Amino acid sequence: MSKIILSLTAALMLAAGLSAAQAQTVDAASSELTFVTRQMGVPVEGRFQRWSAQVALDPRKPEAGKVVLRIQMDSVAFAAPEVTAEAQRAVWLDTARFPQAVFQSSGIRPAGGGRYEMSGRLTLKGESHDMVVPVTLTQNGASGTASGNFTVKRSDYRIGEGEWTDASLVAHEVQVRFRIALSGLPTS
């Protein structure tokens, strides 16, 4: 059984353009993907409960690294169940038609002191846009944590259509935060 899982994992990484020799393992239980938006000026926090990441990064050669993040959009969750249900509707995330969002890196550049700038493309609700994501890698031997935050403009992805395009009701900027626990990082 474990051979099948290892073969499947290697095949998936190769299909995503990741080298099995340099890929890291993501510890989902110690990781998180959250966001904060503002409704009428009041912060509203949410999270995605199901997502996967394939990460291949050698801090000594970050330019050769690759990251693919897949988010199951129906796993969006807010503190209030009615807000969670509303977020899945067509006017917002339209999780029925667009069940997955994907970020795929196109380049990783060192910025010094364990910091990197990851260029890539985010596809969300049928729209794709290039972006640069700042990432900080805190490494302890072969384990580490990649963390950072970036802003997504919801109107770029048609999130909050109709009457909800009014930024005085719901802000256009959504702050996304991530913390991804990794193992299998190369050591010097």
N, C-alpha and C. Protein backbone atom coordinates (compact mmCIF):
# COMPACT_ATOMS: atom_id res chain seq x y z
N MET A 1 0.83 -1.19 0.00
CA MET A 1 0.00 0.00 0.00
C MET A 1 0.88 1.26 0.00
N SER A 2 1.92 1.28 0.85
CA SER A 2 2.77 2.47 0.92
C SER A 2 3.53 2.69 -0.39
N LYS A 3 3.87 1.60 -1.10
CA LYS A 3 4.53 1.75 -2.40
C LYS A 3 3.59 2.42 -3.40
N ILE A 4 2.32 2.06 -3.34
CA ILE A 4 1.34 2.67 -4.24
C ILE A 4 1.21 4.16 -3.94
N ILE A 5 1.14 4.51 -2.67
CA ILE A 5 1.02 5.92 -2.28
C ILE A 5 2.27 6.69 -2.70
N LEU A 6 3.45 6.13 -2.48
CA LEU A 6 4.68 6.81 -2.88
C LEU A 6 4.74 6.98 -4.39
N SER A 7 4.33 5.96 -5.14
CA SER A 7 4.32 6.07 -6.60
C SER A 7 3.34 7.12 -7.07
N LEU A 8 2.16 7.13 -6.46
CA LEU A 8 1.15 8.12 -6.82
C LEU A 8 1.64 9.53 -6.51
N THR A 9 2.24 9.72 -5.34
CA THR A 9 2.78 11.03 -4.96
C THR A 9 3.86 11.47 -5.95
N ALA A 10 4.76 10.58 -6.31
CA ALA A 10 5.83 10.93 -7.26
C ALA A 10 5.23 11.28 -8.62
N ALA A 11 4.23 10.53 -9.06
CA ALA A 11 3.59 10.82 -10.35
C ALA A 11 2.91 12.17 -10.33
N LEU A 12 2.22 12.48 -9.24
CA LEU A 12 1.56 13.78 -9.13
C LEU A 12 2.57 14.92 -9.14
N MET A 13 3.67 14.74 -8.44
CA MET A 13 4.69 15.80 -8.41
C MET A 13 5.31 15.99 -9.78
N LEU A 14 5.57 14.90 -10.48
CA LEU A 14 6.14 15.03 -11.82
C LEU A 14 5.15 15.68 -12.76
N ALA A 15 3.87 15.35 -12.62
CA ALA A 15 2.85 15.97 -13.47
C ALA A 15 2.76 17.46 -13.21
N ALA A 16 3.04 17.87 -11.98
CA ALA A 16 2.99 19.29 -11.63
C ALA A 16 4.32 19.98 -11.94
N GLY A 17 5.28 19.25 -12.50
CA GLY A 17 6.56 19.84 -12.85
C GLY A 17 7.53 19.87 -11.68
N LEU A 18 7.31 19.05 -10.69
CA LEU A 18 8.17 19.03 -9.52
C LEU A 18 9.05 17.79 -9.56
N SER A 19 10.27 17.94 -9.16
CA SER A 19 11.18 16.81 -9.10
C SER A 19 10.98 16.06 -7.80
N ALA A 20 10.76 14.76 -7.87
CA ALA A 20 10.54 13.96 -6.67
C ALA A 20 11.75 14.02 -5.74
N ALA A 21 12.95 14.18 -6.30
CA ALA A 21 14.16 14.21 -5.48
C ALA A 21 14.23 15.45 -4.60
N GLN A 22 13.62 16.54 -5.01
CA GLN A 22 13.74 17.76 -4.22
C GLN A 22 12.42 18.21 -3.59
N ALA A 23 11.38 17.41 -3.72
CA ALA A 23 10.08 17.79 -3.19
C ALA A 23 10.04 17.65 -1.67
N GLN A 24 9.31 18.56 -1.04
CA GLN A 24 9.13 18.50 0.39
C GLN A 24 7.76 17.91 0.71
N THR A 25 7.62 17.43 1.94
CA THR A 25 6.35 16.94 2.43
C THR A 25 5.69 18.05 3.22
N VAL A 26 4.40 18.28 2.96
CA VAL A 26 3.64 19.30 3.67
C VAL A 26 2.91 18.64 4.82
N ASP A 27 3.05 19.21 6.02
CA ASP A 27 2.32 18.75 7.21
C ASP A 27 1.06 19.61 7.33
N ALA A 28 -0.04 19.10 6.77
CA ALA A 28 -1.29 19.87 6.73
C ALA A 28 -1.81 20.21 8.12
N ALA A 29 -1.63 19.32 9.08
CA ALA A 29 -2.14 19.55 10.43
C ALA A 29 -1.45 20.74 11.11
N SER A 30 -0.23 21.04 10.72
CA SER A 30 0.52 22.16 11.29
C SER A 30 0.54 23.38 10.38
N SER A 31 -0.28 23.34 9.34
CA SER A 31 -0.30 24.41 8.34
C SER A 31 -1.67 25.08 8.34
N GLU A 32 -1.73 26.29 7.75
CA GLU A 32 -3.02 26.95 7.63
C GLU A 32 -3.03 27.94 6.48
N LEU A 33 -4.24 28.17 5.97
CA LEU A 33 -4.48 29.12 4.90
C LEU A 33 -5.70 29.93 5.32
N THR A 34 -5.48 31.19 5.70
CA THR A 34 -6.54 32.04 6.21
C THR A 34 -6.61 33.33 5.41
N PHE A 35 -7.67 34.10 5.66
CA PHE A 35 -7.81 35.39 5.00
C PHE A 35 -8.65 36.32 5.86
N VAL A 36 -8.50 37.60 5.60
CA VAL A 36 -9.28 38.63 6.29
C VAL A 36 -9.81 39.60 5.25
N THR A 37 -11.11 39.84 5.31
CA THR A 37 -11.73 40.86 4.49
C THR A 37 -12.40 41.85 5.44
N ARG A 38 -12.95 42.90 4.92
CA ARG A 38 -13.66 43.87 5.76
C ARG A 38 -15.05 44.09 5.20
N GLN A 39 -16.03 43.95 6.09
CA GLN A 39 -17.42 44.24 5.72
C GLN A 39 -17.84 45.47 6.51
N MET A 40 -18.14 46.55 5.79
CA MET A 40 -18.47 47.85 6.38
C MET A 40 -17.43 48.27 7.42
N GLY A 41 -16.14 48.02 7.06
CA GLY A 41 -15.03 48.42 7.90
C GLY A 41 -14.66 47.45 9.01
N VAL A 42 -15.48 46.42 9.23
CA VAL A 42 -15.23 45.46 10.31
C VAL A 42 -14.50 44.24 9.74
N PRO A 43 -13.36 43.85 10.35
CA PRO A 43 -12.64 42.68 9.84
C PRO A 43 -13.46 41.40 9.99
N VAL A 44 -13.45 40.58 8.94
CA VAL A 44 -14.12 39.28 8.94
C VAL A 44 -13.08 38.25 8.53
N GLU A 45 -12.82 37.29 9.43
CA GLU A 45 -11.79 36.28 9.18
C GLU A 45 -12.40 34.99 8.68
N GLY A 46 -11.66 34.34 7.78
CA GLY A 46 -12.08 33.04 7.27
C GLY A 46 -10.87 32.17 7.02
N ARG A 47 -11.15 30.95 6.62
CA ARG A 47 -10.06 30.00 6.34
C ARG A 47 -10.52 29.01 5.29
N PHE A 48 -9.56 28.35 4.69
CA PHE A 48 -9.84 27.23 3.81
C PHE A 48 -9.38 25.99 4.55
N GLN A 49 -10.30 25.04 4.68
CA GLN A 49 -10.02 23.85 5.47
C GLN A 49 -9.39 22.71 4.67
N ARG A 50 -9.59 22.73 3.34
CA ARG A 50 -9.01 21.68 2.49
C ARG A 50 -8.22 22.31 1.36
N TRP A 51 -6.96 21.99 1.31
CA TRP A 51 -6.08 22.46 0.27
C TRP A 51 -4.88 21.54 0.24
N SER A 52 -4.15 21.59 -0.85
CA SER A 52 -2.92 20.80 -0.94
C SER A 52 -1.84 21.66 -1.58
N ALA A 53 -0.62 21.34 -1.25
CA ALA A 53 0.51 22.08 -1.82
C ALA A 53 1.60 21.08 -2.19
N GLN A 54 2.16 21.28 -3.38
CA GLN A 54 3.36 20.56 -3.77
C GLN A 54 4.47 21.60 -3.79
N VAL A 55 5.47 21.34 -2.99
CA VAL A 55 6.57 22.29 -2.84
C VAL A 55 7.87 21.58 -3.14
N ALA A 56 8.68 22.19 -3.99
CA ALA A 56 10.03 21.70 -4.28
C ALA A 56 10.94 22.92 -4.20
N LEU A 57 11.67 23.02 -3.11
CA LEU A 57 12.51 24.20 -2.90
C LEU A 57 13.83 23.81 -2.25
N ASP A 58 14.90 24.20 -2.87
CA ASP A 58 16.23 24.08 -2.28
C ASP A 58 16.66 25.51 -1.98
N PRO A 59 16.74 25.90 -0.70
CA PRO A 59 17.11 27.27 -0.37
C PRO A 59 18.45 27.73 -0.97
N ARG A 60 19.31 26.76 -1.33
CA ARG A 60 20.59 27.11 -1.96
C ARG A 60 20.41 27.44 -3.44
N LYS A 61 19.32 26.93 -4.06
CA LYS A 61 19.02 27.17 -5.47
C LYS A 61 17.53 27.45 -5.63
N PRO A 62 17.04 28.52 -5.04
CA PRO A 62 15.59 28.76 -5.08
C PRO A 62 15.03 28.97 -6.49
N GLU A 63 15.87 29.42 -7.41
CA GLU A 63 15.42 29.69 -8.78
C GLU A 63 14.87 28.42 -9.45
N ALA A 64 15.32 27.26 -9.00
CA ALA A 64 14.87 25.99 -9.58
C ALA A 64 13.61 25.46 -8.88
N GLY A 65 13.13 26.17 -7.88
CA GLY A 65 11.99 25.72 -7.10
C GLY A 65 10.66 25.85 -7.82
N LYS A 66 9.69 25.10 -7.36
CA LYS A 66 8.33 25.11 -7.89
C LYS A 66 7.35 24.95 -6.73
N VAL A 67 6.22 25.64 -6.85
CA VAL A 67 5.14 25.50 -5.88
C VAL A 67 3.82 25.45 -6.63
N VAL A 68 2.98 24.51 -6.25
CA VAL A 68 1.61 24.43 -6.77
C VAL A 68 0.69 24.30 -5.56
N LEU A 69 -0.24 25.23 -5.45
CA LEU A 69 -1.21 25.23 -4.35
C LEU A 69 -2.60 25.06 -4.95
N ARG A 70 -3.35 24.08 -4.46
CA ARG A 70 -4.72 23.83 -4.91
C ARG A 70 -5.66 23.97 -3.71
N ILE A 71 -6.65 24.85 -3.85
CA ILE A 71 -7.57 25.13 -2.76
C ILE A 71 -8.96 24.61 -3.15
N GLN A 72 -9.54 23.80 -2.28
CA GLN A 72 -10.92 23.35 -2.48
C GLN A 72 -11.83 24.46 -1.98
N MET A 73 -12.47 25.16 -2.90
CA MET A 73 -13.20 26.36 -2.56
C MET A 73 -14.41 26.12 -1.67
N ASP A 74 -15.03 24.94 -1.74
CA ASP A 74 -16.17 24.67 -0.87
C ASP A 74 -15.74 24.40 0.57
N SER A 75 -14.45 24.45 0.84
CA SER A 75 -13.96 24.29 2.21
C SER A 75 -13.80 25.63 2.92
N VAL A 76 -14.26 26.72 2.28
CA VAL A 76 -14.21 28.03 2.90
C VAL A 76 -15.02 27.97 4.19
N ALA A 77 -14.53 28.60 5.24
CA ALA A 77 -15.23 28.56 6.53
C ALA A 77 -15.06 29.88 7.27
N PHE A 78 -16.16 30.36 7.79
CA PHE A 78 -16.20 31.54 8.65
C PHE A 78 -16.74 31.11 10.01
N ALA A 79 -16.66 31.97 11.00
CA ALA A 79 -17.17 31.66 12.34
C ALA A 79 -18.67 31.43 12.31
N ALA A 80 -19.39 32.17 11.47
CA ALA A 80 -20.85 32.03 11.37
C ALA A 80 -21.22 31.14 10.19
N PRO A 81 -21.95 30.05 10.42
CA PRO A 81 -22.33 29.14 9.32
C PRO A 81 -23.08 29.84 8.19
N GLU A 82 -23.89 30.84 8.49
CA GLU A 82 -24.64 31.53 7.43
C GLU A 82 -23.70 32.33 6.52
N VAL A 83 -22.60 32.82 7.05
CA VAL A 83 -21.61 33.53 6.23
C VAL A 83 -20.89 32.53 5.34
N THR A 84 -20.58 31.36 5.88
CA THR A 84 -19.95 30.30 5.09
C THR A 84 -20.85 29.92 3.91
N ALA A 85 -22.13 29.72 4.17
CA ALA A 85 -23.08 29.35 3.11
C ALA A 85 -23.17 30.47 2.07
N GLU A 86 -23.21 31.72 2.50
CA GLU A 86 -23.30 32.86 1.59
C GLU A 86 -22.06 32.94 0.70
N ALA A 87 -20.88 32.69 1.27
CA ALA A 87 -19.63 32.79 0.52
C ALA A 87 -19.56 31.78 -0.63
N GLN A 88 -20.28 30.67 -0.52
CA GLN A 88 -20.25 29.64 -1.56
C GLN A 88 -21.19 29.94 -2.73
N ARG A 89 -22.08 30.90 -2.55
CA ARG A 89 -23.05 31.23 -3.60
C ARG A 89 -22.36 31.78 -4.86
N ALA A 90 -23.11 31.75 -5.97
CA ALA A 90 -22.57 32.17 -7.27
C ALA A 90 -22.06 33.60 -7.27
N VAL A 91 -22.71 34.49 -6.56
CA VAL A 91 -22.31 35.90 -6.54
C VAL A 91 -20.94 36.09 -5.87
N TRP A 92 -20.55 35.17 -5.01
CA TRP A 92 -19.26 35.25 -4.31
C TRP A 92 -18.25 34.30 -4.94
N LEU A 93 -18.03 33.14 -4.34
CA LEU A 93 -17.01 32.21 -4.83
C LEU A 93 -17.53 31.23 -5.89
N ASP A 94 -18.82 31.06 -5.98
CA ASP A 94 -19.44 30.16 -6.95
C ASP A 94 -18.74 28.79 -6.93
N THR A 95 -18.75 28.19 -5.75
CA THR A 95 -18.03 26.93 -5.55
C THR A 95 -18.60 25.78 -6.37
N ALA A 96 -19.86 25.87 -6.76
CA ALA A 96 -20.44 24.81 -7.60
C ALA A 96 -19.81 24.79 -8.99
N ARG A 97 -19.61 25.96 -9.58
CA ARG A 97 -19.01 26.05 -10.92
C ARG A 97 -17.49 26.08 -10.90
N PHE A 98 -16.91 26.61 -9.82
CA PHE A 98 -15.46 26.75 -9.72
C PHE A 98 -14.98 26.12 -8.41
N PRO A 99 -14.90 24.78 -8.38
CA PRO A 99 -14.60 24.09 -7.12
C PRO A 99 -13.17 24.23 -6.62
N GLN A 100 -12.28 24.71 -7.48
CA GLN A 100 -10.87 24.75 -7.08
C GLN A 100 -10.21 26.05 -7.54
N ALA A 101 -9.37 26.60 -6.69
CA ALA A 101 -8.49 27.70 -7.07
C ALA A 101 -7.07 27.13 -7.10
N VAL A 102 -6.25 27.65 -8.00
CA VAL A 102 -4.89 27.12 -8.14
C VAL A 102 -3.90 28.27 -8.25
N PHE A 103 -2.83 28.19 -7.45
CA PHE A 103 -1.68 29.08 -7.62
C PHE A 103 -0.54 28.21 -8.11
N GLN A 104 0.11 28.63 -9.20
CA GLN A 104 1.27 27.90 -9.72
C GLN A 104 2.41 28.88 -9.88
N SER A 105 3.53 28.57 -9.24
CA SER A 105 4.68 29.47 -9.32
C SER A 105 5.31 29.41 -10.71
N SER A 106 5.91 30.54 -11.09
CA SER A 106 6.66 30.59 -12.35
C SER A 106 8.12 30.95 -12.09
N GLY A 107 8.42 31.36 -10.87
CA GLY A 107 9.80 31.70 -10.52
C GLY A 107 9.90 32.04 -9.04
N ILE A 108 11.05 31.72 -8.45
CA ILE A 108 11.32 32.04 -7.05
C ILE A 108 12.66 32.75 -7.01
N ARG A 109 12.66 33.93 -6.39
CA ARG A 109 13.88 34.75 -6.33
C ARG A 109 14.25 34.99 -4.88
N PRO A 110 15.54 34.79 -4.50
CA PRO A 110 15.95 35.07 -3.13
C PRO A 110 15.90 36.57 -2.84
N ALA A 111 15.47 36.92 -1.63
CA ALA A 111 15.42 38.32 -1.21
C ALA A 111 16.28 38.54 0.03
N GLY A 112 17.04 37.51 0.44
CA GLY A 112 17.96 37.62 1.57
C GLY A 112 17.31 37.28 2.91
N GLY A 113 18.10 36.70 3.79
CA GLY A 113 17.65 36.42 5.15
C GLY A 113 16.48 35.45 5.24
N GLY A 114 16.46 34.43 4.39
CA GLY A 114 15.37 33.46 4.42
C GLY A 114 14.09 33.96 3.77
N ARG A 115 14.18 35.08 3.06
CA ARG A 115 13.01 35.64 2.38
C ARG A 115 13.13 35.41 0.88
N TYR A 116 11.97 35.23 0.24
CA TYR A 116 11.92 34.96 -1.19
C TYR A 116 10.75 35.72 -1.80
N GLU A 117 10.84 35.97 -3.09
CA GLU A 117 9.72 36.52 -3.85
C GLU A 117 9.32 35.46 -4.86
N MET A 118 8.10 34.97 -4.72
CA MET A 118 7.62 33.92 -5.58
C MET A 118 6.63 34.51 -6.59
N SER A 119 7.00 34.46 -7.85
CA SER A 119 6.11 34.91 -8.92
C SER A 119 5.24 33.74 -9.33
N GLY A 120 4.03 34.04 -9.74
CA GLY A 120 3.15 32.97 -10.18
C GLY A 120 1.83 33.49 -10.67
N ARG A 121 0.93 32.56 -10.90
CA ARG A 121 -0.38 32.89 -11.46
C ARG A 121 -1.44 32.25 -10.58
N LEU A 122 -2.41 33.07 -10.17
CA LEU A 122 -3.54 32.58 -9.38
C LEU A 122 -4.76 32.51 -10.29
N THR A 123 -5.38 31.35 -10.33
CA THR A 123 -6.63 31.16 -11.06
C THR A 123 -7.72 30.91 -10.02
N LEU A 124 -8.72 31.79 -10.04
CA LEU A 124 -9.79 31.77 -9.05
C LEU A 124 -11.07 32.21 -9.73
N LYS A 125 -12.11 31.44 -9.59
CA LYS A 125 -13.42 31.74 -10.17
C LYS A 125 -13.33 32.05 -11.67
N GLY A 126 -12.50 31.28 -12.36
CA GLY A 126 -12.39 31.40 -13.80
C GLY A 126 -11.52 32.55 -14.30
N GLU A 127 -10.93 33.30 -13.40
CA GLU A 127 -10.05 34.42 -13.77
C GLU A 127 -8.62 34.07 -13.35
N SER A 128 -7.64 34.48 -14.16
CA SER A 128 -6.23 34.24 -13.84
C SER A 128 -5.47 35.55 -13.87
N HIS A 129 -4.62 35.74 -12.84
CA HIS A 129 -3.80 36.95 -12.77
C HIS A 129 -2.43 36.59 -12.21
N ASP A 130 -1.42 37.27 -12.75
CA ASP A 130 -0.06 37.11 -12.23
C ASP A 130 0.06 37.87 -10.92
N MET A 131 0.92 37.36 -10.05
CA MET A 131 1.17 38.02 -8.77
C MET A 131 2.54 37.64 -8.25
N VAL A 132 3.01 38.42 -7.28
CA VAL A 132 4.26 38.13 -6.58
C VAL A 132 3.91 37.96 -5.11
N VAL A 133 4.33 36.84 -4.55
CA VAL A 133 4.02 36.50 -3.17
C VAL A 133 5.32 36.50 -2.36
N PRO A 134 5.42 37.35 -1.33
CA PRO A 134 6.60 37.29 -0.46
C PRO A 134 6.48 36.09 0.48
N VAL A 135 7.58 35.35 0.61
CA VAL A 135 7.60 34.15 1.45
C VAL A 135 8.81 34.22 2.36
N THR A 136 8.60 33.87 3.63
CA THR A 136 9.71 33.73 4.57
C THR A 136 9.83 32.26 4.92
N LEU A 137 11.04 31.71 4.77
CA LEU A 137 11.29 30.31 5.11
C LEU A 137 12.12 30.28 6.38
N THR A 138 11.54 29.71 7.42
CA THR A 138 12.24 29.49 8.67
C THR A 138 12.60 28.02 8.72
N GLN A 139 13.89 27.73 8.69
CA GLN A 139 14.34 26.34 8.58
C GLN A 139 15.05 25.90 9.84
N ASN A 140 14.76 24.66 10.27
CA ASN A 140 15.43 24.04 11.40
C ASN A 140 15.81 22.63 10.94
N GLY A 141 17.03 22.50 10.43
CA GLY A 141 17.45 21.23 9.85
C GLY A 141 16.67 20.97 8.59
N ALA A 142 16.09 19.76 8.47
CA ALA A 142 15.34 19.39 7.29
C ALA A 142 13.86 19.81 7.37
N SER A 143 13.48 20.42 8.49
CA SER A 143 12.10 20.90 8.65
C SER A 143 12.07 22.41 8.57
N GLY A 144 10.91 22.95 8.28
CA GLY A 144 10.80 24.39 8.22
C GLY A 144 9.36 24.83 8.01
N THR A 145 9.18 26.14 8.02
CA THR A 145 7.87 26.73 7.81
C THR A 145 7.99 27.83 6.78
N ALA A 146 7.18 27.74 5.75
CA ALA A 146 7.07 28.81 4.74
C ALA A 146 5.85 29.62 5.12
N SER A 147 6.03 30.92 5.33
CA SER A 147 4.91 31.75 5.74
C SER A 147 4.94 33.07 4.99
N GLY A 148 3.80 33.71 4.96
CA GLY A 148 3.71 35.00 4.32
C GLY A 148 2.29 35.48 4.22
N ASN A 149 2.13 36.62 3.60
CA ASN A 149 0.80 37.15 3.35
C ASN A 149 0.86 38.02 2.10
N PHE A 150 -0.28 38.15 1.47
CA PHE A 150 -0.38 38.96 0.26
C PHE A 150 -1.83 39.41 0.13
N THR A 151 -2.04 40.38 -0.73
CA THR A 151 -3.38 40.92 -0.92
C THR A 151 -3.92 40.50 -2.28
N VAL A 152 -5.17 40.07 -2.29
CA VAL A 152 -5.90 39.76 -3.51
C VAL A 152 -7.01 40.78 -3.63
N LYS A 153 -7.16 41.33 -4.80
CA LYS A 153 -8.26 42.26 -5.05
C LYS A 153 -9.45 41.43 -5.56
N ARG A 154 -10.49 41.31 -4.73
CA ARG A 154 -11.60 40.41 -5.05
C ARG A 154 -12.28 40.76 -6.38
N SER A 155 -12.32 42.04 -6.72
CA SER A 155 -12.97 42.44 -7.96
C SER A 155 -12.22 41.92 -9.19
N ASP A 156 -10.90 41.66 -9.07
CA ASP A 156 -10.15 41.07 -10.18
C ASP A 156 -10.64 39.67 -10.53
N TYR A 157 -11.28 39.02 -9.55
CA TYR A 157 -11.73 37.64 -9.72
C TYR A 157 -13.25 37.52 -9.71
N ARG A 158 -13.96 38.63 -9.86
CA ARG A 158 -15.42 38.66 -9.88
C ARG A 158 -16.03 38.08 -8.61
N ILE A 159 -15.41 38.32 -7.48
CA ILE A 159 -15.94 37.85 -6.20
C ILE A 159 -16.73 39.00 -5.59
N GLY A 160 -18.02 38.76 -5.39
CA GLY A 160 -18.90 39.82 -4.90
C GLY A 160 -19.45 40.61 -6.05
N GLU A 161 -20.34 40.01 -6.82
CA GLU A 161 -20.90 40.65 -8.00
C GLU A 161 -22.19 41.39 -7.66
N GLY A 162 -22.71 42.12 -8.65
CA GLY A 162 -23.96 42.85 -8.46
C GLY A 162 -23.82 43.95 -7.42
N GLU A 163 -24.76 43.99 -6.49
CA GLU A 163 -24.74 45.03 -5.46
C GLU A 163 -23.48 44.97 -4.60
N TRP A 164 -22.83 43.81 -4.58
CA TRP A 164 -21.66 43.62 -3.71
C TRP A 164 -20.36 44.17 -4.32
N THR A 165 -20.43 44.76 -5.50
CA THR A 165 -19.22 45.38 -6.06
C THR A 165 -18.87 46.67 -5.32
N ASP A 166 -19.78 47.19 -4.52
CA ASP A 166 -19.58 48.42 -3.75
C ASP A 166 -18.57 48.16 -2.63
N ALA A 167 -17.40 48.79 -2.73
CA ALA A 167 -16.32 48.58 -1.75
C ALA A 167 -16.68 49.14 -0.37
N SER A 168 -17.70 50.00 -0.26
CA SER A 168 -18.09 50.50 1.06
C SER A 168 -18.83 49.41 1.85
N LEU A 169 -19.38 48.42 1.14
CA LEU A 169 -20.04 47.30 1.81
C LEU A 169 -19.02 46.22 2.18
N VAL A 170 -18.27 45.77 1.18
CA VAL A 170 -17.22 44.77 1.39
C VAL A 170 -15.97 45.27 0.66
N ALA A 171 -14.89 45.40 1.41
CA ALA A 171 -13.64 45.93 0.83
C ALA A 171 -13.18 45.07 -0.35
N HIS A 172 -12.57 45.71 -1.32
CA HIS A 172 -12.04 44.98 -2.47
C HIS A 172 -10.79 44.18 -2.12
N GLU A 173 -10.01 44.66 -1.15
CA GLU A 173 -8.77 43.98 -0.79
C GLU A 173 -9.03 42.88 0.24
N VAL A 174 -8.50 41.71 -0.04
CA VAL A 174 -8.57 40.57 0.87
C VAL A 174 -7.14 40.19 1.22
N GLN A 175 -6.83 40.21 2.51
CA GLN A 175 -5.49 39.84 2.98
C GLN A 175 -5.44 38.33 3.18
N VAL A 176 -4.58 37.65 2.44
CA VAL A 176 -4.42 36.20 2.54
C VAL A 176 -3.15 35.90 3.33
N ARG A 177 -3.26 34.98 4.27
CA ARG A 177 -2.11 34.58 5.09
C ARG A 177 -1.93 33.07 5.00
N PHE A 178 -0.67 32.65 4.97
CA PHE A 178 -0.41 31.22 4.93
C PHE A 178 0.77 30.87 5.82
N ARG A 179 0.72 29.66 6.33
CA ARG A 179 1.82 29.06 7.09
C ARG A 179 1.83 27.59 6.69
N ILE A 180 2.90 27.18 6.02
CA ILE A 180 2.99 25.80 5.52
C ILE A 180 4.19 25.13 6.16
N ALA A 181 3.91 24.08 6.95
CA ALA A 181 4.97 23.32 7.60
C ALA A 181 5.51 22.28 6.63
N LEU A 182 6.84 22.27 6.48
CA LEU A 182 7.50 21.40 5.51
C LEU A 182 8.52 20.49 6.17
N SER A 183 8.70 19.33 5.61
CA SER A 183 9.83 18.48 5.99
C SER A 183 10.50 18.01 4.71
N GLY A 184 11.76 17.61 4.84
CA GLY A 184 12.52 17.17 3.68
C GLY A 184 13.25 18.28 2.98
N LEU A 185 13.47 19.41 3.68
CA LEU A 185 14.24 20.50 3.10
C LEU A 185 15.72 20.11 3.04
N PRO A 186 16.39 20.47 1.95
CA PRO A 186 17.83 20.20 1.88
C PRO A 186 18.57 20.98 2.96
N THR A 187 19.58 20.36 3.54
CA THR A 187 20.42 21.04 4.53
C THR A 187 21.79 21.26 3.93
N SER A 188 22.47 22.26 4.45
CA SER A 188 23.79 22.58 3.86
C SER A 188 24.89 21.67 4.25
